[in-house]
Amino acid sequence: MKRIWMGAILLGLLLSGCDYLPFGQTPLKEIVEAPAQFEGKEVRIRGKVKDIAKIPLIDLSMYVLDDGSGEVTVIAHDKLPAVNDTVNVTGVVESAAIIGGQSIGLRINELKRN
């Protein structure tokens, strides 16, 4: 019995350092459907890059991420990923405004990407 517990603890420690597992990731559908619950909070998301945009005049880089349940715009602070890349993102949910529970200008401000 002691070996099982030791194995479970070791497995947990190994998995906690892995950024490529779905544990702790928030489906984009949940963020899009209830933006007020996530406003200003850090989330982990994963999805496929559908579109990228760079606006040099205001130094803004962004991409659209799709996880199959929804899409969200991610503001990038590093090099943009390529279209069709699958990425893991940690970022903060932000909206220009939330009116009647609906977000205007919903986006994820990227903190980390792998």
Protein backbone atom coordinates (compact mmCIF):
# COMPACT_ATOMS: atom_id res chain seq x y z
CA MET A 1 0.00 0.00 0.00
CA LYS A 2 2.87 2.35 0.82
CA ARG A 3 4.35 1.79 -2.66
CA ILE A 4 1.08 2.85 -4.32
CA TRP A 5 1.01 6.11 -2.38
CA MET A 6 4.67 6.79 -3.10
CA GLY A 7 4.05 6.11 -6.82
CA ALA A 8 1.04 8.42 -6.85
CA ILE A 9 3.00 11.20 -5.18
CA LEU A 10 5.92 10.78 -7.60
CA LEU A 11 3.57 10.82 -10.59
CA GLY A 12 1.90 13.98 -9.29
CA LEU A 13 5.24 15.70 -8.89
CA LEU A 14 6.32 14.73 -12.39
CA LEU A 15 3.06 15.90 -13.98
CA SER A 16 2.99 19.20 -12.11
CA GLY A 17 6.01 20.45 -14.06
CA CYS A 18 4.62 19.57 -17.48
CA ASP A 19 3.10 22.44 -19.49
CA TYR A 20 1.74 20.17 -22.21
CA LEU A 21 -0.97 18.39 -20.24
CA PRO A 22 -4.62 19.49 -20.33
CA PHE A 23 -4.89 19.58 -16.52
CA GLY A 24 -5.88 23.02 -15.29
CA GLN A 25 -6.69 24.36 -18.74
CA THR A 26 -9.87 26.35 -19.25
CA PRO A 27 -11.99 25.64 -22.34
CA LEU A 28 -12.39 28.82 -24.39
CA LYS A 29 -16.16 28.27 -24.47
CA GLU A 30 -16.28 28.87 -20.70
CA ILE A 31 -14.39 32.15 -21.01
CA VAL A 32 -16.49 33.39 -23.95
CA GLU A 33 -19.82 32.43 -22.30
CA ALA A 34 -19.01 33.94 -18.87
CA PRO A 35 -16.34 36.62 -19.34
CA ALA A 36 -17.19 38.44 -16.10
CA GLN A 37 -16.21 35.34 -14.09
CA PHE A 38 -12.75 35.36 -15.66
CA GLU A 39 -12.13 39.11 -15.95
CA GLY A 40 -8.66 39.96 -14.61
CA LYS A 41 -7.90 36.32 -13.78
CA GLU A 42 -5.01 34.23 -15.02
CA VAL A 43 -5.99 31.23 -17.17
CA ARG A 44 -4.24 28.41 -19.00
CA ILE A 45 -5.56 27.67 -22.48
CA ARG A 46 -4.52 25.51 -25.41
CA GLY A 47 -5.57 25.63 -29.01
CA LYS A 48 -4.72 25.98 -32.67
CA VAL A 49 -3.72 29.34 -34.14
CA LYS A 50 -6.29 30.33 -36.77
CA ASP A 51 -5.19 33.83 -37.72
CA ILE A 52 -2.42 36.29 -36.89
CA ALA A 53 -2.18 40.07 -37.14
CA LYS A 54 0.55 42.62 -36.54
CA ILE A 55 -0.23 46.33 -36.42
CA PRO A 56 3.16 48.09 -36.45
CA LEU A 57 1.71 51.60 -36.11
CA ILE A 58 0.60 50.86 -32.53
CA ASP A 59 3.05 47.99 -31.92
CA LEU A 60 0.30 45.39 -31.48
CA SER A 61 0.64 41.68 -32.28
CA MET A 62 -2.25 39.27 -31.84
CA TYR A 63 -3.57 35.91 -32.92
CA VAL A 64 -6.85 34.01 -32.79
CA LEU A 65 -6.77 30.76 -30.83
CA ASP A 66 -9.36 28.00 -31.36
CA ASP A 67 -9.65 25.00 -29.04
CA GLY A 68 -12.67 23.41 -30.75
CA SER A 69 -15.07 24.79 -28.14
CA GLY A 70 -14.56 28.47 -28.94
CA GLU A 71 -12.19 31.17 -30.15
CA VAL A 72 -10.47 34.06 -28.45
CA THR A 73 -8.00 36.76 -29.46
CA VAL A 74 -4.63 36.59 -27.71
CA ILE A 75 -2.41 39.66 -27.41
CA ALA A 76 1.20 38.56 -27.96
CA HIS A 77 4.23 40.24 -26.43
CA ASP A 78 6.75 38.01 -28.18
CA LYS A 79 7.18 36.62 -31.68
CA LEU A 80 3.86 35.55 -33.21
CA PRO A 81 3.19 31.83 -33.63
CA ALA A 82 2.49 30.47 -37.10
CA VAL A 83 -1.02 29.76 -38.36
CA ASN A 84 -1.99 26.13 -37.54
CA ASP A 85 0.52 25.90 -34.66
CA THR A 86 -0.93 24.37 -31.49
CA VAL A 87 0.14 26.41 -28.47
CA ASN A 88 -0.28 26.44 -24.70
CA VAL A 89 -0.88 29.91 -23.30
CA THR A 90 -0.98 31.35 -19.81
CA GLY A 91 -2.55 34.78 -19.77
CA VAL A 92 -4.94 37.23 -18.16
CA VAL A 93 -8.52 37.63 -19.39
CA GLU A 94 -9.38 41.23 -20.28
CA SER A 95 -12.36 43.03 -21.80
CA ALA A 96 -12.82 46.61 -22.93
CA ALA A 97 -16.24 46.45 -21.21
CA ILE A 98 -18.74 43.91 -19.93
CA ILE A 99 -22.36 44.87 -20.53
CA GLY A 100 -25.18 42.57 -19.47
CA GLY A 101 -22.70 39.76 -18.94
CA GLN A 102 -21.40 40.07 -22.51
CA SER A 103 -17.83 41.10 -23.20
CA ILE A 104 -16.86 43.79 -25.66
CA GLY A 105 -13.27 43.40 -26.81
CA LEU A 106 -12.62 40.06 -25.05
CA ARG A 107 -8.97 39.04 -25.22
CA ILE A 108 -6.26 37.14 -23.37
CA ASN A 109 -3.14 39.14 -22.52
CA GLU A 110 -0.40 36.55 -23.02
CA LEU A 111 2.06 36.06 -20.16
CA LYS A 112 3.67 32.81 -21.32
CA ARG A 113 3.46 30.56 -24.38
CA ASN A 114 4.89 27.17 -25.27
